[in-house]
Amino acid sequence: MHEIKFGTDGWRGIMSDDFTFENVIRVTQAIADYYKKTKGCTGLKFVVGYDTRFLSDKYANLVSRVLAANNISVVLSDKAVPTPVVSFSAKQRNFTAGIMITASHNPGEYNGIKIKTSLGQAAGTEITKGVEENIKDYDPNIIAKADDGLIKKENLTDAYVAFLRSYINLKKFRNATYRVLVDVMYGSGNKFIAEVLKGTKIKLEFMRSNINPSFDGLRPEPVVENLKDTIKRMKREKFDLCLVLDGDADRIAAIGPGGIYIPPQKILGLLFLHLLEDRAFSGGLVKTICGTTMLEHIAQKKNVKLFETPVGFKYISDLMVRQDILVGGEEAGGIGFKNYIPERDGTLAGLLLLEMMLYRKKPILSILEKIEKEYGRYFYLRQDLKVKSKVELDINRLKSLRNILGTEVVKVKDYDGIKFILADESWLMLRVSGTEPLVRIYAETKSIARSKRYLDFGKELLRRYAL
């Protein structure tokens, strides 16, 4: 029997290996048991959604029936939806919790379960550990106990779209004639931006918008290596902007005219400045340990509080509930916003990026160039190395390093992987992924060539200091 553990964002596994119908039943029963113990056995109600992955709708139906067998009322989405739709529904309609069937940006052979709280945030460690402790042997009779009358299929997207239309300044969009390409990477974010911008003159074109559970052999993660055809199209055709969503549409990346990739790190800085300066919002800024140094400069110059968390949006979610946070984001493209849900939303992030262009009446690359001149231009790279078995870093030995490629190490952070901060503001980080069998190497310097050398040095460190 496979051990089931929740990672940085839910439980994920390979379908027909550890992510099986039997294990989905076990995990769902554990979720039901946890909430019955902590919230009581009556009046519980869940919202359940699913993405476009193979069998996601079947898993969602199974989850709903297990919950119904526990006398829990269920609202099940009537179609594949982005993860933020489940988070938004949980908060807006005061559900006890939400369950989303998705493996986010993992390859097509994966699927998973994300738990959302009644506030719409990612379930924290207290909840996921509580669920893990309740996982028991598979009960083959549980489905026969389901009261199907407790399950209702509903449209969850209309209220979500209406809210997004109210969050952005729709008047700014009315007569805009931007031509925008949207790459949804075969995921569940398909056409939602079009619904929000209905009635405007913005010309939207979509690519990779059909259902393809294999994601054409790529991970549905908006990183450069997965966007070669998209970048080529941006070089070939005249678009003002390309927005890229991951598999469950809670992450964002962008591509400017000419095929210039705009990393999520820079989008986070852009959107924080947009809401602060153009929309006159207030609040702090959250980044993860592997966030760009540019964000530190923005927070310092704008005299706003900067928070730093481990990797995993659940840590940012927690801060957004407890603190006055304007924008919080992770390096992989998940960004959350004030006066919404304490969760990330790629669709809203993309809309706000367009809105920034409208407020400033400038092309996206001109806006970025001006901001980089003021807050610093950094070249951020990440490389993922596949591993066959569990890997640990020898943190104690790694901490003994005093310089990297001739530059002094002035600080080491080891609360999530290990990060070396150097005297010239460059940094190198090694971290074992919490969602896939990968070791990630991150580097940021003031030149692309130097960042590449740091990645190579990071690979050498892994050969020497991985256990």
Protein backbone atom coordinates (compact mmCIF):
# COMPACT_ATOMS: atom_id res chain seq x y z
CA MET A 1 0.00 0.00 0.00
CA HIS A 2 1.45 3.36 -1.09
CA GLU A 3 2.23 5.96 1.54
CA ILE A 4 0.20 9.07 0.84
CA LYS A 5 1.77 12.41 1.69
CA PHE A 6 0.68 15.96 0.87
CA GLY A 7 3.38 18.18 -0.63
CA THR A 8 3.66 21.93 -1.03
CA ASP A 9 0.24 22.05 -2.67
CA GLY A 10 -1.87 18.94 -2.23
CA TRP A 11 -1.35 15.26 -2.88
CA ARG A 12 -0.14 14.27 -6.34
CA GLY A 13 0.69 10.92 -7.83
CA ILE A 14 1.02 8.98 -11.05
CA MET A 15 -2.30 7.64 -12.28
CA SER A 16 -2.75 3.86 -12.04
CA ASP A 17 0.36 3.72 -9.85
CA ASP A 18 -0.27 5.56 -6.58
CA PHE A 19 -3.07 7.87 -7.78
CA THR A 20 -5.74 5.16 -8.08
CA PHE A 21 -9.50 5.10 -7.53
CA GLU A 22 -8.90 3.18 -4.31
CA ASN A 23 -6.42 5.76 -2.99
CA VAL A 24 -8.69 8.64 -4.02
CA ILE A 25 -11.42 7.02 -1.91
CA ARG A 26 -9.01 6.62 1.00
CA VAL A 27 -7.86 10.25 0.85
CA THR A 28 -11.40 11.60 0.47
CA GLN A 29 -12.58 9.53 3.44
CA ALA A 30 -9.65 10.91 5.44
CA ILE A 31 -10.67 14.47 4.47
CA ALA A 32 -14.25 13.74 5.55
CA ASP A 33 -13.07 12.24 8.86
CA TYR A 34 -10.80 15.22 9.54
CA TYR A 35 -13.57 17.76 9.01
CA LYS A 36 -16.13 15.74 10.96
CA LYS A 37 -13.71 15.65 13.89
CA THR A 38 -12.86 19.36 13.72
CA LYS A 39 -16.17 20.87 12.51
CA GLY A 40 -18.79 18.39 13.70
CA CYS A 41 -20.82 15.82 11.80
CA THR A 42 -23.72 18.01 10.69
CA GLY A 43 -24.04 20.92 8.32
CA LEU A 44 -20.85 20.16 6.37
CA LYS A 45 -20.86 21.22 2.72
CA PHE A 46 -18.08 20.94 0.14
CA VAL A 47 -17.49 22.31 -3.34
CA VAL A 48 -15.69 20.00 -5.78
CA GLY A 49 -14.04 20.92 -9.08
CA TYR A 50 -11.76 19.28 -11.62
CA ASP A 51 -9.43 20.14 -14.50
CA THR A 52 -8.98 18.74 -18.02
CA ARG A 53 -6.65 15.86 -17.11
CA PHE A 54 -7.45 12.25 -17.98
CA LEU A 55 -10.22 10.92 -15.71
CA SER A 56 -10.38 14.13 -13.62
CA ASP A 57 -14.16 14.25 -14.01
CA LYS A 58 -14.43 10.62 -12.88
CA TYR A 59 -12.23 11.27 -9.84
CA ALA A 60 -14.32 14.34 -8.97
CA ASN A 61 -17.52 12.29 -9.15
CA LEU A 62 -15.93 9.64 -6.92
CA VAL A 63 -14.82 12.26 -4.39
CA SER A 64 -18.35 13.67 -4.34
CA ARG A 65 -19.91 10.27 -3.67
CA VAL A 66 -17.50 9.49 -0.82
CA LEU A 67 -18.37 12.83 0.77
CA ALA A 68 -22.08 12.13 0.29
CA ALA A 69 -21.61 8.74 1.97
CA ASN A 70 -20.43 10.73 4.99
CA ASN A 71 -23.61 12.83 4.99
CA ILE A 72 -21.74 15.83 3.54
CA SER A 73 -23.56 18.03 1.02
CA VAL A 74 -21.65 18.53 -2.23
CA VAL A 75 -21.80 21.06 -5.04
CA LEU A 76 -19.95 19.52 -8.00
CA SER A 77 -18.85 21.67 -10.92
CA ASP A 78 -20.70 20.90 -14.13
CA LYS A 79 -17.50 21.26 -16.19
CA ALA A 80 -13.72 21.49 -15.95
CA VAL A 81 -12.69 24.71 -14.18
CA PRO A 82 -9.56 26.54 -13.03
CA THR A 83 -8.52 25.91 -9.44
CA PRO A 84 -9.28 29.55 -8.49
CA VAL A 85 -12.96 28.91 -9.30
CA VAL A 86 -13.12 26.34 -6.49
CA SER A 87 -11.26 28.66 -4.11
CA PHE A 88 -13.56 31.57 -4.98
CA SER A 89 -16.69 29.43 -4.61
CA ALA A 90 -15.55 28.13 -1.21
CA LYS A 91 -15.22 31.67 0.13
CA GLN A 92 -18.15 33.30 -1.65
CA ARG A 93 -20.66 30.61 -0.71
CA ASN A 94 -19.28 29.77 2.72
CA PHE A 95 -18.48 26.13 2.02
CA THR A 96 -16.78 24.10 4.75
CA ALA A 97 -13.99 23.35 2.28
CA GLY A 98 -13.23 22.80 -1.38
CA ILE A 99 -11.60 19.91 -3.20
CA MET A 100 -9.98 20.35 -6.59
CA ILE A 101 -8.91 17.41 -8.75
CA THR A 102 -5.73 18.59 -10.48
CA ALA A 103 -2.01 18.00 -10.63
CA SER A 104 -1.48 21.64 -11.62
CA HIS A 105 1.71 21.87 -13.72
CA ASN A 106 2.84 18.24 -13.35
CA PRO A 107 3.19 16.04 -16.46
CA GLY A 108 0.13 14.36 -17.96
CA GLU A 109 0.59 11.04 -16.19
CA TYR A 110 -0.04 12.75 -12.84
CA ASN A 111 -3.23 13.75 -11.10
CA GLY A 112 -3.87 15.09 -7.64
CA ILE A 113 -6.10 16.54 -4.94
CA LYS A 114 -5.90 20.09 -3.61
CA ILE A 115 -7.82 21.07 -0.48
CA LYS A 116 -9.12 24.63 -0.10
CA THR A 117 -10.35 26.14 3.16
CA SER A 118 -13.59 28.04 3.71
CA LEU A 119 -11.60 31.23 3.04
CA GLY A 120 -10.48 29.87 -0.33
CA GLN A 121 -6.86 29.46 0.70
CA ALA A 122 -4.64 26.41 0.23
CA ALA A 123 -4.95 24.02 3.15
CA GLY A 124 -2.05 24.49 5.54
CA THR A 125 0.15 21.92 7.21
CA GLU A 126 -2.20 21.52 10.17
CA ILE A 127 -5.01 20.39 7.87
CA THR A 128 -2.93 18.21 5.55
CA LYS A 129 -1.19 16.44 8.43
CA GLY A 130 -4.58 15.92 10.06
CA VAL A 131 -5.85 14.36 6.85
CA GLU A 132 -2.76 12.13 6.54
CA GLU A 133 -3.30 10.88 10.09
CA ASN A 134 -6.84 9.83 9.17
CA ILE A 135 -5.92 7.80 6.09
CA LYS A 136 -7.06 4.21 6.56
CA ASP A 137 -7.44 1.04 4.54
CA TYR A 138 -9.67 1.18 1.47
CA ASP A 139 -13.34 0.53 2.23
CA PRO A 140 -14.91 -1.09 -0.88
CA ASN A 141 -18.43 -0.55 0.51
CA ILE A 142 -18.22 3.21 1.00
CA ILE A 143 -19.66 4.17 -2.41
CA ALA A 144 -22.76 2.01 -1.82
CA LYS A 145 -23.54 4.21 1.18
CA ALA A 146 -23.62 7.43 -0.87
CA ASP A 147 -26.81 9.46 -0.86
CA ASP A 148 -26.74 10.89 -4.38
CA GLY A 149 -29.40 13.38 -3.34
CA LEU A 150 -26.70 15.24 -1.44
CA ILE A 151 -24.79 15.95 -4.70
CA LYS A 152 -25.77 18.84 -6.94
CA LYS A 153 -24.06 19.72 -10.19
CA GLU A 154 -23.89 23.46 -10.70
CA ASN A 155 -22.32 26.15 -12.84
CA LEU A 156 -19.56 27.66 -10.69
CA THR A 157 -18.09 29.96 -13.31
CA ASP A 158 -20.69 32.69 -13.79
CA ALA A 159 -20.18 34.18 -10.33
CA TYR A 160 -16.40 33.91 -10.76
CA VAL A 161 -16.44 35.76 -14.09
CA ALA A 162 -18.75 38.43 -12.66
CA PHE A 163 -16.35 39.02 -9.78
CA LEU A 164 -13.33 39.37 -12.07
CA ARG A 165 -15.26 41.89 -14.17
CA SER A 166 -15.90 43.89 -11.01
CA TYR A 167 -12.28 43.66 -9.79
CA ILE A 168 -10.66 45.14 -12.88
CA ASN A 169 -11.49 48.63 -14.15
CA LEU A 170 -13.60 47.41 -17.04
CA LYS A 171 -14.12 50.98 -18.35
CA LYS A 172 -10.41 51.10 -19.20
CA PHE A 173 -10.87 48.03 -21.40
CA ARG A 174 -14.00 49.12 -23.29
CA ASN A 175 -12.37 50.78 -26.31
CA ALA A 176 -8.90 49.24 -26.09
CA THR A 177 -7.86 47.54 -29.32
CA TYR A 178 -5.00 45.40 -28.08
CA ARG A 179 -4.37 42.14 -29.87
CA VAL A 180 -3.68 39.47 -27.25
CA LEU A 181 -2.61 35.86 -27.60
CA VAL A 182 -3.62 33.51 -24.77
CA ASP A 183 -1.87 30.15 -24.43
CA VAL A 184 -3.86 27.95 -22.03
CA MET A 185 -1.48 24.96 -22.41
CA TYR A 186 -4.43 22.54 -22.90
CA GLY A 187 -5.60 23.36 -19.38
CA SER A 188 -8.83 24.32 -17.67
CA GLY A 189 -8.30 28.10 -18.02
CA ASN A 190 -9.70 28.04 -21.54
CA LYS A 191 -11.68 31.12 -22.65
CA PHE A 192 -12.29 32.61 -19.18
CA ILE A 193 -10.40 35.77 -20.13
CA ALA A 194 -12.74 36.09 -23.13
CA GLU A 195 -15.76 35.86 -20.83
CA VAL A 196 -14.40 38.59 -18.56
CA LEU A 197 -13.58 40.89 -21.50
CA LYS A 198 -16.87 40.31 -23.33
CA GLY A 199 -18.14 43.62 -24.72
CA THR A 200 -14.66 45.15 -25.11
CA LYS A 201 -12.75 45.67 -28.35
CA ILE A 202 -9.73 43.66 -27.29
CA LYS A 203 -8.96 40.99 -29.86
CA LEU A 204 -8.18 37.67 -28.20
CA GLU A 205 -6.71 34.63 -29.91
CA PHE A 206 -6.26 31.33 -28.10
CA MET A 207 -3.76 28.55 -28.68
CA ARG A 208 -3.48 25.05 -27.19
CA SER A 209 -7.12 25.49 -26.18
CA ASN A 210 -8.34 22.00 -27.07
CA ILE A 211 -8.40 19.19 -24.52
CA ASN A 212 -5.21 17.14 -24.64
CA PRO A 213 -4.68 15.17 -21.41
CA SER A 214 -1.07 14.37 -22.37
CA PHE A 215 -0.36 18.11 -22.79
CA ASP A 216 1.42 17.19 -26.03
CA GLY A 217 4.18 15.53 -24.01
CA LEU A 218 5.06 18.67 -22.04
CA ARG A 219 4.40 19.72 -18.49
CA PRO A 220 1.68 22.43 -18.53
CA GLU A 221 4.00 24.83 -16.72
CA PRO A 222 4.59 28.30 -18.24
CA VAL A 223 8.38 28.18 -18.39
CA VAL A 224 10.52 28.95 -21.44
CA GLU A 225 11.31 25.36 -22.40
CA ASN A 226 7.57 24.60 -22.71
CA LEU A 227 6.77 27.71 -24.75
CA LYS A 228 8.97 27.40 -27.83
CA ASP A 229 6.07 27.40 -30.32
CA THR A 230 4.35 30.23 -28.47
CA ILE A 231 7.49 32.35 -28.55
CA LYS A 232 7.92 31.63 -32.27
CA ARG A 233 4.37 32.78 -32.91
CA MET A 234 4.98 35.99 -30.94
CA LYS A 235 8.05 36.63 -33.11
CA ARG A 236 6.13 35.90 -36.30
CA GLU A 237 2.84 37.72 -35.63
CA LYS A 238 1.93 41.14 -34.27
CA PHE A 239 0.45 40.79 -30.79
CA ASP A 240 0.66 43.38 -28.03
CA LEU A 241 0.98 40.68 -25.36
CA CYS A 242 0.79 36.94 -24.82
CA LEU A 243 -0.58 35.56 -21.56
CA VAL A 244 0.24 31.96 -20.61
CA LEU A 245 -1.71 29.94 -18.04
CA ASP A 246 -0.65 26.65 -16.47
CA GLY A 247 -2.72 23.46 -16.40
CA ASP A 248 -5.21 24.59 -13.75
CA ALA A 249 -4.90 28.33 -14.50
CA ASP A 250 -3.60 29.46 -11.14
CA ARG A 251 -0.19 30.47 -12.55
CA ILE A 252 0.84 33.08 -15.11
CA ALA A 253 3.70 33.93 -17.43
CA ALA A 254 3.82 36.44 -20.28
CA ILE A 255 5.55 37.00 -23.59
CA GLY A 256 6.08 40.44 -25.07
CA PRO A 257 6.21 41.45 -28.75
CA GLY A 258 9.13 39.87 -30.55
CA GLY A 259 8.97 36.76 -28.38
CA ILE A 260 10.48 38.33 -25.25
CA TYR A 261 9.65 36.05 -22.32
CA ILE A 262 8.59 37.91 -19.16
CA PRO A 263 9.24 35.66 -16.14
CA PRO A 264 6.63 35.44 -13.37
CA GLN A 265 9.13 37.05 -11.00
CA LYS A 266 8.98 40.26 -13.01
CA ILE A 267 5.21 40.04 -13.41
CA LEU A 268 4.90 39.98 -9.62
CA GLY A 269 6.86 43.24 -9.37
CA LEU A 270 4.89 44.82 -12.21
CA LEU A 271 1.51 43.99 -10.70
CA PHE A 272 2.50 45.14 -7.22
CA LEU A 273 3.54 48.53 -8.64
CA HIS A 274 0.38 48.69 -10.77
CA LEU A 275 -1.98 48.17 -7.84
CA LEU A 276 0.09 50.44 -5.59
CA GLU A 277 0.66 53.32 -8.02
CA ASP A 278 -2.13 53.12 -10.61
CA ARG A 279 -4.98 51.72 -8.53
CA ALA A 280 -3.93 53.38 -5.22
CA PHE A 281 -4.21 50.17 -3.22
CA SER A 282 -2.07 49.66 -0.13
CA GLY A 283 -0.46 46.75 1.68
CA GLY A 284 2.65 44.63 1.93
CA LEU A 285 4.45 42.40 -0.55
CA VAL A 286 5.17 38.66 -0.17
CA LYS A 287 7.80 36.67 -2.01
CA THR A 288 9.23 33.19 -1.48
CA ILE A 289 12.82 32.40 -0.56
CA CYS A 290 13.63 32.01 -4.26
CA GLY A 291 12.09 35.35 -5.22
CA THR A 292 13.98 37.95 -7.23
CA THR A 293 16.10 40.63 -5.55
CA MET A 294 14.19 43.26 -7.54
CA LEU A 295 11.25 42.80 -5.17
CA GLU A 296 13.43 43.72 -2.21
CA HIS A 297 14.39 46.97 -3.92
CA ILE A 298 10.76 47.75 -4.76
CA ALA A 299 9.66 47.20 -1.15
CA GLN A 300 12.54 49.30 0.18
CA LYS A 301 11.97 52.25 -2.16
CA LYS A 302 8.21 52.17 -1.71
CA ASN A 303 8.58 51.80 2.08
CA VAL A 304 6.29 48.78 2.26
CA LYS A 305 6.74 45.66 4.35
CA LEU A 306 8.29 42.71 2.57
CA PHE A 307 7.56 39.18 3.77
CA GLU A 308 9.48 36.06 2.75
CA THR A 309 8.16 32.49 2.94
CA PRO A 310 9.22 28.95 2.03
CA VAL A 311 8.18 27.71 -1.41
CA GLY A 312 4.48 26.82 -1.57
CA PHE A 313 1.59 29.21 -1.94
CA LYS A 314 -0.03 27.91 1.25
CA TYR A 315 2.54 29.94 3.19
CA ILE A 316 1.64 33.06 1.22
CA SER A 317 -2.06 32.30 1.70
CA ASP A 318 -1.57 32.18 5.44
CA LEU A 319 0.10 35.59 5.45
CA MET A 320 -2.65 37.06 3.28
CA VAL A 321 -5.18 36.00 5.91
CA ARG A 322 -3.18 37.31 8.88
CA GLN A 323 -1.48 40.42 7.45
CA ASP A 324 -2.35 43.40 5.27
CA ILE A 325 -0.95 42.06 2.00
CA LEU A 326 -1.44 43.78 -1.33
CA VAL A 327 0.24 41.17 -3.54
CA GLY A 328 1.90 37.85 -2.78
CA GLY A 329 3.60 35.60 -5.29
CA GLU A 330 5.89 32.68 -5.93
CA GLU A 331 8.62 32.25 -8.51
CA ALA A 332 6.57 29.72 -10.49
CA GLY A 333 3.90 32.27 -11.40
CA GLY A 334 1.26 31.96 -8.68
CA ILE A 335 0.15 35.46 -7.64
CA GLY A 336 -2.59 36.47 -5.19
CA PHE A 337 -4.23 39.86 -4.68
CA LYS A 338 -5.83 41.92 -1.94
CA ASN A 339 -9.64 42.10 -1.69
CA TYR A 340 -10.04 38.73 -3.38
CA ILE A 341 -9.28 35.22 -2.16
CA PRO A 342 -6.00 34.47 -0.34
CA GLU A 343 -4.98 32.34 -3.31
CA ARG A 344 -3.28 32.68 -6.67
CA ASP A 345 -5.16 33.28 -9.90
CA GLY A 346 -3.46 33.32 -13.30
CA THR A 347 -6.50 34.70 -15.12
CA LEU A 348 -6.78 37.73 -12.85
CA ALA A 349 -3.01 38.28 -12.99
CA GLY A 350 -3.16 38.34 -16.79
CA LEU A 351 -6.07 40.79 -16.80
CA LEU A 352 -4.23 43.10 -14.41
CA LEU A 353 -1.14 43.03 -16.61
CA LEU A 354 -3.29 44.22 -19.51
CA GLU A 355 -4.86 46.81 -17.22
CA MET A 356 -1.41 48.15 -16.32
CA MET A 357 -0.70 48.74 -20.00
CA LEU A 358 -3.99 50.64 -20.30
CA TYR A 359 -3.33 52.81 -17.26
CA ARG A 360 0.20 53.68 -18.34
CA LYS A 361 -0.60 53.88 -22.06
CA LYS A 362 2.65 52.12 -22.90
CA PRO A 363 3.67 48.75 -24.36
CA ILE A 364 4.49 46.08 -21.81
CA LEU A 365 8.21 45.97 -22.67
CA SER A 366 8.54 49.75 -22.26
CA ILE A 367 6.90 49.53 -18.84
CA LEU A 368 9.23 46.71 -17.83
CA GLU A 369 12.31 48.53 -19.09
CA LYS A 370 11.49 51.63 -17.04
CA ILE A 371 10.90 49.59 -13.89
CA GLU A 372 14.14 47.65 -14.35
CA LYS A 373 16.07 50.89 -14.69
CA GLU A 374 14.67 52.03 -11.36
CA TYR A 375 14.78 48.81 -9.36
CA GLY A 376 17.51 46.80 -11.04
CA ARG A 377 17.73 44.32 -13.88
CA TYR A 378 18.37 40.73 -12.86
CA PHE A 379 18.61 37.52 -14.84
CA TYR A 380 16.78 34.72 -13.07
CA LEU A 381 17.19 31.11 -14.19
CA ARG A 382 15.93 27.78 -12.89
CA GLN A 383 16.86 24.27 -13.90
CA ASP A 384 15.01 21.13 -12.84
CA LEU A 385 16.95 17.88 -12.55
CA LYS A 386 15.00 14.62 -12.49
CA VAL A 387 15.88 12.13 -9.78
CA LYS A 388 14.86 8.49 -9.53
CA SER A 389 14.80 8.21 -5.76
CA LYS A 390 14.44 10.47 -2.76
CA VAL A 391 17.30 12.96 -2.53
CA GLU A 392 18.45 15.01 0.44
CA LEU A 393 20.95 17.84 0.51
CA ASP A 394 23.88 17.73 2.91
CA ILE A 395 23.02 21.15 4.31
CA ASN A 396 25.76 21.22 6.96
CA ARG A 397 28.54 20.65 4.43
CA LEU A 398 27.01 23.05 1.93
CA LYS A 399 26.90 25.78 4.57
CA SER A 400 30.69 25.61 4.81
CA LEU A 401 31.09 27.20 1.35
CA ARG A 402 32.70 30.63 1.61
CA ASN A 403 32.63 31.75 -2.03
CA ILE A 404 31.00 30.82 -5.32
CA LEU A 405 32.96 31.31 -8.51
CA GLY A 406 35.17 33.84 -6.77
CA THR A 407 32.42 35.89 -5.12
CA GLU A 408 32.06 35.91 -1.34
CA VAL A 409 29.07 34.24 0.29
CA VAL A 410 27.72 36.83 2.74
CA LYS A 411 24.59 34.99 3.93
CA VAL A 412 23.09 31.51 3.85
CA LYS A 413 19.40 30.68 4.24
CA ASP A 414 18.53 27.04 4.89
CA TYR A 415 14.89 26.97 6.00
CA ASP A 416 13.77 25.60 2.61
CA GLY A 417 16.64 24.03 0.70
CA ILE A 418 19.78 26.19 0.80
CA LYS A 419 20.31 29.65 -0.64
CA PHE A 420 23.71 31.35 -0.95
CA ILE A 421 23.52 35.15 -1.07
CA LEU A 422 26.66 36.75 -2.45
CA ALA A 423 28.41 40.07 -1.98
CA ASP A 424 27.29 41.44 -5.38
CA GLU A 425 23.56 40.64 -4.76
CA SER A 426 23.80 37.49 -6.88
CA TRP A 427 22.48 34.26 -5.37
CA LEU A 428 22.35 30.52 -5.94
CA MET A 429 19.83 28.11 -4.44
CA LEU A 430 19.32 24.33 -4.33
CA ARG A 431 16.00 22.81 -3.31
CA VAL A 432 14.29 19.42 -3.51
CA SER A 433 10.81 19.75 -5.05
CA GLY A 434 7.82 19.02 -2.84
CA THR A 435 5.56 18.02 -5.74
CA GLU A 436 7.72 16.06 -8.20
CA PRO A 437 10.86 13.86 -8.20
CA LEU A 438 13.05 16.84 -9.04
CA VAL A 439 15.87 18.87 -7.59
CA ARG A 440 15.61 22.53 -8.56
CA ILE A 441 18.60 24.83 -9.04
CA TYR A 442 17.93 28.57 -9.01
CA ALA A 443 20.34 31.37 -9.88
CA GLU A 444 20.04 35.12 -10.22
CA THR A 445 22.80 37.53 -11.26
CA LYS A 446 23.14 40.72 -13.28
CA SER A 447 24.09 38.89 -16.49
CA ILE A 448 22.56 35.92 -18.27
CA ALA A 449 25.98 34.35 -18.86
CA ARG A 450 26.85 34.51 -15.17
CA SER A 451 23.47 33.04 -14.16
CA LYS A 452 24.14 30.10 -16.50
CA ARG A 453 27.55 29.57 -14.90
CA TYR A 454 25.91 29.56 -11.48
CA LEU A 455 23.48 26.85 -12.64
CA ASP A 456 26.40 24.73 -13.79
CA PHE A 457 28.11 25.28 -10.45
CA GLY A 458 24.87 24.27 -8.71
CA LYS A 459 24.87 20.97 -10.63
CA GLU A 460 28.41 20.31 -9.46
CA LEU A 461 27.35 21.02 -5.86
CA LEU A 462 24.55 18.45 -6.20
CA ARG A 463 27.01 15.84 -7.41
CA ARG A 464 29.17 16.50 -4.37
CA TYR A 465 26.63 17.21 -1.63
CA ALA A 466 23.44 15.27 -2.44
CA LEU A 467 22.72 12.30 -0.17
